[in-house]
Amino acid sequence: MPIPVATFPTDSEGLLKLLRHKEGTWVQWGQACQMLQKMGENSLAIFENTGFEPVQQNQIVVASQVYASLKAGHAADIVIAHFEQKGSDILNELRVLNQSERVDMATFALEKNLDVLEAKDVVKAIKEASNVANLPEGFTRHPGDAVVLQVLKASQGKLDAQERTRLIARGLRFAHSDRARAAIERLLTDMSTPVKRKAPNLPNFRYDSEDNIPRILPVVGTLPMSVDTFITYPVVEELAPFGIVRASVESTWATLPGWFVVHEAKDGVVIFCNTNTLQAAIAQGEVLSSIRDRAEDILVLVDRSQREWNENSYFAIADVDGNIKFTWFDSQPEMELLGKITLTLRPKRFFDEAASQDRWQFEE
């Protein structure tokens, strides 16, 4: 059994000699290493002169500081006496705890004869329990109850029978309060009864933004279209918060992406056309198809509520034959505006797999 040196040296040579001959206790070795470091000796020089590796120096320095906090925290004499002789590796694990937790944990480690790995697990449980503001009724801040909390949390996951048995045995070994022990005993009872399957959670989702909410709008017809058809189609009522639509007449519907410009239309209606019919209905501009040798389908979104002219938009108007036309005005027109084109939507592009078989066409 190591015996403390009666006269602890204060000079570097005496401290190095104490470490070199391993005189005194490990606590005094840690104090000696710390004093040498404060004198300017680096850990490598201490190693070369004493054989104490830098990692070992760090461990016993930290552990000796924890030991000092046990004495300052008035730990029991039996605890102080035990850790003065051995257990620096265990005390090193206690460095993350406060003083009162260190005293409780050191006492617990001695009572349960914990090795360093077991002590490390209990310290982790104590830290987790310290983050719990309101403990279950009847539980204490004792290390044993902290372990039970850890066991109860782990048992909520999917565990095989062997792992669950190991956890329960650990809880029964360490439980401190009666309530903590009763909680572990309930786990033991549950193992002997058939497990009742828990109903699954509902597949819950939530819209993250307005752009994710699509919009259903009526298709009022196909170009060419009469003004009466365009004007007389009733306003569609939308019900919050999901945009459920209610219409008083039978209709065809189109689902548009939840873009801002789509949601901005207060009285939006959709007109179906293609590049040829839209070209015939528009007074200016050129409407081109992106598909070779045939017209491309287009949906035109017109907001009938937007009738105030601006120079950057196309508007729906009535032509002399009573049909819908679209035109742009460079100045305020005298005729009535029936609505503004807010969007023209073309189909998603697709890759023609058959065409890709022809190497010349693919390379072109």
Protein backbone atom coordinates (compact mmCIF):
# COMPACT_ATOMS: atom_id res chain seq x y z
CA MET A 1 0.00 0.00 0.00
CA PRO A 2 1.51 3.35 -1.05
CA ILE A 3 2.50 5.57 1.86
CA PRO A 4 2.40 9.36 1.49
CA VAL A 5 5.80 11.03 1.76
CA ALA A 6 6.13 12.90 5.02
CA THR A 7 7.87 15.92 3.52
CA PHE A 8 6.62 16.90 0.10
CA PRO A 9 9.37 18.57 -1.97
CA THR A 10 8.90 22.02 -3.41
CA ASP A 11 11.91 22.22 -5.74
CA SER A 12 11.98 20.76 -9.26
CA GLU A 13 14.83 18.31 -8.54
CA GLY A 14 13.05 16.93 -5.51
CA LEU A 15 9.77 16.63 -7.43
CA LEU A 16 11.49 14.83 -10.32
CA LYS A 17 13.17 12.45 -7.86
CA LEU A 18 9.80 11.69 -6.21
CA LEU A 19 8.31 10.82 -9.59
CA ARG A 20 11.37 8.91 -10.79
CA HIS A 21 11.34 6.62 -7.72
CA LYS A 22 7.53 6.60 -7.52
CA GLU A 23 7.59 7.66 -3.90
CA GLY A 24 4.35 8.53 -2.11
CA THR A 25 0.83 8.11 -3.51
CA TRP A 26 -0.57 8.73 -6.99
CA VAL A 27 -2.22 11.87 -5.62
CA GLN A 28 1.20 13.27 -4.75
CA TRP A 29 2.47 12.27 -8.20
CA GLY A 30 -0.30 14.32 -9.77
CA GLN A 31 0.50 17.26 -7.52
CA ALA A 32 4.19 16.93 -8.43
CA CYS A 33 3.45 16.93 -12.18
CA GLN A 34 1.27 19.99 -11.79
CA MET A 35 3.91 21.85 -9.80
CA LEU A 36 6.61 21.00 -12.36
CA GLN A 37 4.40 22.26 -15.20
CA LYS A 38 3.85 25.52 -13.32
CA MET A 39 7.66 25.79 -12.94
CA GLY A 40 7.98 25.71 -16.74
CA GLU A 41 8.73 22.03 -17.29
CA ASN A 42 6.90 20.64 -20.32
CA SER A 43 5.32 17.20 -20.29
CA LEU A 44 7.94 15.74 -22.63
CA ALA A 45 10.82 16.80 -20.38
CA ILE A 46 9.01 15.35 -17.36
CA PHE A 47 8.58 12.08 -19.27
CA GLU A 48 12.26 11.92 -20.17
CA ASN A 49 13.28 12.48 -16.53
CA THR A 50 10.67 10.32 -14.79
CA GLY A 51 9.11 7.82 -17.20
CA PHE A 52 5.61 9.29 -16.71
CA GLU A 53 4.10 9.57 -20.19
CA PRO A 54 2.30 12.84 -21.08
CA VAL A 55 -1.10 11.08 -21.19
CA GLN A 56 -0.48 9.60 -17.74
CA GLN A 57 0.64 12.98 -16.43
CA ASN A 58 -2.56 14.60 -17.63
CA GLN A 59 -4.71 11.88 -16.06
CA ILE A 60 -3.15 12.02 -12.61
CA VAL A 61 -3.05 15.83 -12.58
CA VAL A 62 -6.79 16.02 -13.35
CA ALA A 63 -7.59 13.14 -11.02
CA SER A 64 -5.62 14.74 -8.16
CA GLN A 65 -7.68 17.91 -8.63
CA VAL A 66 -10.89 15.85 -8.43
CA TYR A 67 -9.49 14.16 -5.29
CA ALA A 68 -8.89 17.59 -3.74
CA SER A 69 -12.50 18.56 -4.49
CA LEU A 70 -13.69 15.39 -2.71
CA LYS A 71 -11.83 16.49 0.40
CA ALA A 72 -13.18 20.02 0.07
CA GLY A 73 -16.67 18.57 -0.37
CA HIS A 74 -16.36 16.62 2.88
CA ALA A 75 -16.55 13.16 1.33
CA ALA A 76 -16.56 10.30 3.85
CA ASP A 77 -13.18 9.31 5.28
CA ILE A 78 -13.48 5.83 3.79
CA VAL A 79 -13.95 7.36 0.34
CA ILE A 80 -10.97 9.69 0.75
CA ALA A 81 -8.78 6.85 2.04
CA HIS A 82 -9.76 4.52 -0.79
CA PHE A 83 -9.10 6.95 -3.63
CA GLU A 84 -5.85 8.13 -2.10
CA GLN A 85 -4.49 4.65 -2.79
CA LYS A 86 -6.03 3.86 -6.19
CA GLY A 87 -8.72 4.81 -8.67
CA SER A 88 -7.13 7.76 -10.48
CA ASP A 89 -8.70 6.54 -13.75
CA ILE A 90 -12.16 6.60 -12.14
CA LEU A 91 -11.67 10.06 -10.61
CA ASN A 92 -10.50 11.31 -14.00
CA GLU A 93 -13.96 10.45 -15.39
CA LEU A 94 -15.53 12.60 -12.63
CA ARG A 95 -13.91 15.78 -13.97
CA VAL A 96 -17.08 16.82 -15.84
CA LEU A 97 -19.22 16.81 -12.66
CA ASN A 98 -19.63 19.57 -10.09
CA GLN A 99 -18.31 19.15 -6.55
CA SER A 100 -21.43 17.66 -4.95
CA GLU A 101 -21.92 15.30 -7.89
CA ARG A 102 -18.28 14.20 -7.59
CA VAL A 103 -18.74 13.36 -3.91
CA ASP A 104 -21.90 11.36 -4.61
CA MET A 105 -20.37 9.60 -7.59
CA ALA A 106 -17.10 8.71 -5.82
CA THR A 107 -19.10 7.28 -2.90
CA PHE A 108 -21.32 5.36 -5.31
CA ALA A 109 -18.33 3.98 -7.24
CA LEU A 110 -16.83 2.67 -4.01
CA GLU A 111 -20.11 1.15 -2.78
CA LYS A 112 -20.78 -0.62 -6.10
CA ASN A 113 -17.12 -1.46 -6.79
CA LEU A 114 -17.31 0.10 -10.26
CA ASP A 115 -14.56 -0.26 -12.82
CA VAL A 116 -13.60 2.68 -15.01
CA LEU A 117 -15.95 1.77 -17.89
CA GLU A 118 -18.92 1.38 -15.55
CA ALA A 119 -18.03 4.67 -13.87
CA LYS A 120 -17.88 6.39 -17.26
CA ASP A 121 -21.40 5.16 -18.10
CA VAL A 122 -22.79 6.32 -14.75
CA VAL A 123 -21.19 9.77 -15.17
CA LYS A 124 -22.89 10.04 -18.57
CA ALA A 125 -26.22 9.15 -16.92
CA ILE A 126 -25.67 11.83 -14.26
CA LYS A 127 -25.01 14.48 -16.91
CA GLU A 128 -28.16 13.47 -18.82
CA ALA A 129 -30.24 13.56 -15.63
CA SER A 130 -28.89 17.01 -14.76
CA ASN A 131 -30.59 18.33 -17.91
CA VAL A 132 -33.99 17.05 -16.73
CA ALA A 133 -35.68 19.93 -14.94
CA ASN A 134 -38.49 17.88 -13.38
CA LEU A 135 -37.64 14.34 -12.37
CA PRO A 136 -40.36 11.67 -12.21
CA GLU A 137 -42.16 11.67 -8.87
CA GLY A 138 -40.14 9.93 -6.17
CA PHE A 139 -36.83 9.99 -8.11
CA THR A 140 -33.72 11.63 -6.62
CA ARG A 141 -30.54 13.16 -8.02
CA HIS A 142 -28.60 10.14 -6.76
CA PRO A 143 -26.30 8.48 -9.36
CA GLY A 144 -28.28 5.24 -9.08
CA ASP A 145 -31.55 6.95 -9.99
CA ALA A 146 -29.79 8.71 -12.88
CA VAL A 147 -28.86 5.29 -14.23
CA VAL A 148 -32.50 4.17 -13.93
CA LEU A 149 -33.63 7.20 -15.94
CA GLN A 150 -31.11 6.24 -18.61
CA VAL A 151 -32.37 2.64 -18.61
CA LEU A 152 -36.01 3.73 -18.88
CA LYS A 153 -35.20 5.96 -21.84
CA ALA A 154 -33.23 3.24 -23.62
CA SER A 155 -35.98 0.68 -23.04
CA GLN A 156 -38.42 2.77 -25.07
CA GLY A 157 -36.51 1.91 -28.23
CA LYS A 158 -36.54 -1.33 -30.20
CA LEU A 159 -34.40 -3.74 -28.19
CA ASP A 160 -33.98 -7.48 -28.38
CA ALA A 161 -34.74 -9.57 -25.30
CA GLN A 162 -31.08 -10.00 -24.37
CA GLU A 163 -30.33 -6.27 -24.42
CA ARG A 164 -33.52 -5.47 -22.50
CA THR A 165 -32.57 -8.06 -19.86
CA ARG A 166 -29.11 -6.49 -19.52
CA LEU A 167 -30.60 -3.03 -19.06
CA ILE A 168 -33.07 -4.24 -16.43
CA ALA A 169 -30.31 -6.01 -14.50
CA ARG A 170 -28.27 -2.79 -14.56
CA GLY A 171 -31.25 -0.79 -13.32
CA LEU A 172 -31.96 -3.21 -10.48
CA ARG A 173 -28.30 -3.14 -9.45
CA PHE A 174 -28.05 0.65 -9.29
CA ALA A 175 -31.58 1.87 -8.37
CA HIS A 176 -31.48 4.06 -5.26
CA SER A 177 -34.99 5.29 -4.49
CA ASP A 178 -38.03 3.04 -4.07
CA ARG A 179 -39.76 4.71 -7.03
CA ALA A 180 -36.78 4.10 -9.29
CA ARG A 181 -36.64 0.43 -8.28
CA ALA A 182 -40.40 0.07 -8.84
CA ALA A 183 -40.03 1.52 -12.34
CA ILE A 184 -37.39 -1.08 -13.22
CA GLU A 185 -39.53 -3.86 -11.74
CA ARG A 186 -42.38 -2.79 -14.02
CA LEU A 187 -40.06 -3.26 -17.00
CA LEU A 188 -39.33 -6.75 -15.73
CA THR A 189 -43.06 -7.47 -15.46
CA ASP A 190 -43.69 -6.11 -18.95
CA MET A 191 -41.19 -8.60 -20.37
CA SER A 192 -43.31 -11.50 -19.14
CA THR A 193 -46.52 -10.20 -20.74
CA PRO A 194 -47.27 -10.09 -24.48
CA VAL A 195 -46.25 -6.82 -26.05
CA LYS A 196 -49.25 -4.83 -27.23
CA ARG A 197 -48.52 -3.32 -30.57
CA LYS A 198 -48.69 0.42 -30.64
CA ALA A 199 -50.79 2.07 -33.31
CA PRO A 200 -48.62 3.82 -35.92
CA ASN A 201 -48.48 7.58 -36.19
CA LEU A 202 -50.60 9.26 -38.81
CA PRO A 203 -48.64 10.22 -41.96
CA ASN A 204 -48.56 13.91 -41.07
CA PHE A 205 -47.21 16.50 -43.45
CA ARG A 206 -47.43 20.29 -43.45
CA TYR A 207 -47.06 22.88 -46.18
CA ASP A 208 -43.77 24.71 -45.61
CA SER A 209 -44.55 27.73 -47.74
CA GLU A 210 -47.18 29.23 -50.01
CA ASP A 211 -45.20 28.05 -53.05
CA ASN A 212 -45.89 24.43 -52.11
CA ILE A 213 -49.69 24.84 -52.22
CA PRO A 214 -51.03 24.18 -55.75
CA ARG A 215 -54.10 25.98 -57.04
CA ILE A 216 -57.11 24.52 -58.85
CA LEU A 217 -58.65 26.90 -61.37
CA PRO A 218 -61.50 26.47 -63.87
CA VAL A 219 -60.84 26.02 -67.57
CA VAL A 220 -63.52 28.24 -69.07
CA GLY A 221 -63.00 27.10 -72.64
CA THR A 222 -60.78 26.86 -75.69
CA LEU A 223 -59.70 29.51 -78.14
CA PRO A 224 -61.42 30.86 -80.13
CA MET A 225 -63.86 31.88 -77.39
CA SER A 226 -66.79 34.25 -77.17
CA VAL A 227 -66.68 37.19 -74.79
CA ASP A 228 -69.97 36.03 -73.22
CA THR A 229 -68.43 32.67 -72.27
CA PHE A 230 -65.41 34.43 -70.75
CA ILE A 231 -67.39 37.02 -68.80
CA THR A 232 -70.33 34.99 -67.55
CA TYR A 233 -68.40 32.11 -65.98
CA PRO A 234 -69.05 32.54 -62.22
CA VAL A 235 -66.32 33.34 -59.73
CA VAL A 236 -64.93 30.20 -58.07
CA GLU A 237 -64.99 30.17 -54.26
CA GLU A 238 -61.86 28.86 -52.52
CA LEU A 239 -62.00 27.63 -48.93
CA ALA A 240 -59.03 28.22 -46.61
CA PRO A 241 -56.59 26.91 -45.58
CA PHE A 242 -56.16 24.23 -48.28
CA GLY A 243 -57.65 25.99 -51.29
CA ILE A 244 -60.62 23.62 -51.58
CA VAL A 245 -62.79 24.89 -54.45
CA ARG A 246 -66.54 25.22 -54.66
CA ALA A 247 -68.26 25.95 -57.96
CA SER A 248 -71.93 26.46 -58.81
CA VAL A 249 -71.59 25.09 -62.35
CA GLU A 250 -70.11 22.00 -63.93
CA SER A 251 -66.59 22.74 -65.05
CA THR A 252 -63.25 21.41 -66.22
CA TRP A 253 -60.33 22.11 -63.91
CA ALA A 254 -56.60 22.65 -64.21
CA THR A 255 -54.07 22.33 -61.40
CA LEU A 256 -51.39 25.00 -61.53
CA PRO A 257 -48.17 25.16 -59.50
CA GLY A 258 -48.26 27.21 -56.31
CA TRP A 259 -46.26 30.10 -57.67
CA PHE A 260 -46.84 33.60 -56.34
CA VAL A 261 -48.28 34.83 -59.63
CA VAL A 262 -50.85 31.99 -59.56
CA HIS A 263 -51.97 32.68 -55.99
CA GLU A 264 -52.07 36.40 -56.71
CA ALA A 265 -54.94 35.98 -59.22
CA LYS A 266 -58.14 36.87 -57.31
CA ASP A 267 -60.51 35.89 -60.14
CA GLY A 268 -58.32 33.62 -62.22
CA VAL A 269 -59.68 31.55 -65.11
CA VAL A 270 -57.77 29.28 -67.47
CA ILE A 271 -58.14 29.24 -71.27
CA PHE A 272 -56.87 26.27 -73.24
CA CYS A 273 -55.18 26.93 -76.57
CA ASN A 274 -52.09 26.15 -78.57
CA THR A 275 -49.42 28.22 -80.24
CA ASN A 276 -51.47 28.55 -83.42
CA THR A 277 -54.77 29.60 -81.82
CA LEU A 278 -53.00 31.91 -79.38
CA GLN A 279 -51.14 33.53 -82.27
CA ALA A 280 -54.48 34.14 -84.01
CA ALA A 281 -55.97 35.67 -80.85
CA ILE A 282 -53.10 38.00 -80.04
CA ALA A 283 -52.61 41.32 -81.73
CA GLN A 284 -48.86 41.68 -81.25
CA GLY A 285 -45.86 39.46 -80.74
CA GLU A 286 -44.94 36.06 -82.10
CA VAL A 287 -46.02 32.80 -80.45
CA LEU A 288 -43.60 30.00 -81.37
CA SER A 289 -43.87 26.27 -80.76
CA SER A 290 -40.90 24.45 -79.26
CA ILE A 291 -42.06 21.22 -80.91
CA ARG A 292 -40.96 20.58 -84.46
CA ASP A 293 -43.67 20.57 -87.14
CA ARG A 294 -46.69 20.91 -84.86
CA ALA A 295 -48.39 23.32 -82.48
CA GLU A 296 -47.64 23.23 -78.75
CA ASP A 297 -50.42 23.24 -76.13
CA ILE A 298 -50.63 26.25 -73.81
CA LEU A 299 -52.71 27.19 -70.78
CA VAL A 300 -53.35 30.92 -70.43
CA LEU A 301 -54.18 32.25 -66.95
CA VAL A 302 -56.25 35.42 -67.05
CA ASP A 303 -57.12 37.34 -63.90
CA ARG A 304 -60.48 38.99 -64.57
CA SER A 305 -60.06 41.15 -61.44
CA GLN A 306 -57.04 42.99 -62.89
CA ARG A 307 -58.47 45.49 -65.35
CA GLU A 308 -56.22 48.47 -64.72
CA TRP A 309 -53.88 49.12 -67.66
CA ASN A 310 -50.11 48.98 -67.39
CA GLU A 311 -47.60 49.06 -70.20
CA ASN A 312 -45.94 45.73 -69.28
CA SER A 313 -48.89 43.37 -69.68
CA TYR A 314 -51.26 41.82 -72.21
CA PHE A 315 -55.01 42.24 -71.63
CA ALA A 316 -58.15 40.43 -72.75
CA ILE A 317 -60.52 42.51 -74.87
CA ALA A 318 -63.57 41.95 -77.07
CA ASP A 319 -63.06 42.12 -80.83
CA VAL A 320 -65.66 43.33 -83.35
CA ASP A 321 -67.06 39.81 -83.72
CA GLY A 322 -67.65 39.39 -79.97
CA ASN A 323 -64.70 37.05 -79.44
CA ILE A 324 -61.83 37.24 -76.94
CA LYS A 325 -58.59 38.77 -78.16
CA PHE A 326 -55.36 39.54 -76.31
CA THR A 327 -53.43 42.70 -76.91
CA TRP A 328 -50.76 45.02 -75.54
CA PHE A 329 -51.25 48.78 -75.37
CA ASP A 330 -48.43 51.29 -75.27
CA SER A 331 -50.76 53.88 -73.75
CA GLN A 332 -54.04 53.98 -71.83
CA PRO A 333 -56.69 52.44 -74.13
CA GLU A 334 -60.22 53.76 -74.47
CA MET A 335 -61.84 50.30 -74.76
CA GLU A 336 -62.86 48.13 -71.80
CA LEU A 337 -60.24 45.72 -70.44
CA LEU A 338 -61.66 42.32 -69.42
CA GLY A 339 -58.67 40.94 -67.53
CA LYS A 340 -54.89 40.62 -67.54
CA ILE A 341 -52.80 37.65 -68.71
CA THR A 342 -50.73 36.74 -65.66
CA LEU A 343 -49.26 33.45 -66.89
CA THR A 344 -48.88 31.30 -69.99
CA LEU A 345 -47.95 27.72 -69.12
CA ARG A 346 -46.45 25.15 -71.46
CA PRO A 347 -46.12 21.38 -70.82
CA LYS A 348 -43.08 19.88 -69.14
CA ARG A 349 -40.31 19.06 -71.60
CA PHE A 350 -39.75 15.36 -72.10
CA PHE A 351 -36.98 13.29 -73.63
CA ASP A 352 -37.97 11.32 -76.71
CA GLU A 353 -36.43 7.88 -76.10
CA ALA A 354 -37.38 6.65 -79.56
CA ALA A 355 -35.59 9.57 -81.16
CA SER A 356 -32.46 8.87 -79.13
CA GLN A 357 -32.09 5.52 -80.92
CA ASP A 358 -31.16 7.44 -84.06
CA ARG A 359 -27.55 8.40 -83.45
CA TRP A 360 -27.56 11.18 -86.04
CA GLN A 361 -30.66 12.78 -84.52
CA PHE A 362 -29.30 12.52 -80.96
CA GLU A 363 -25.99 14.14 -81.93
CA GLU A 364 -27.81 16.87 -83.80
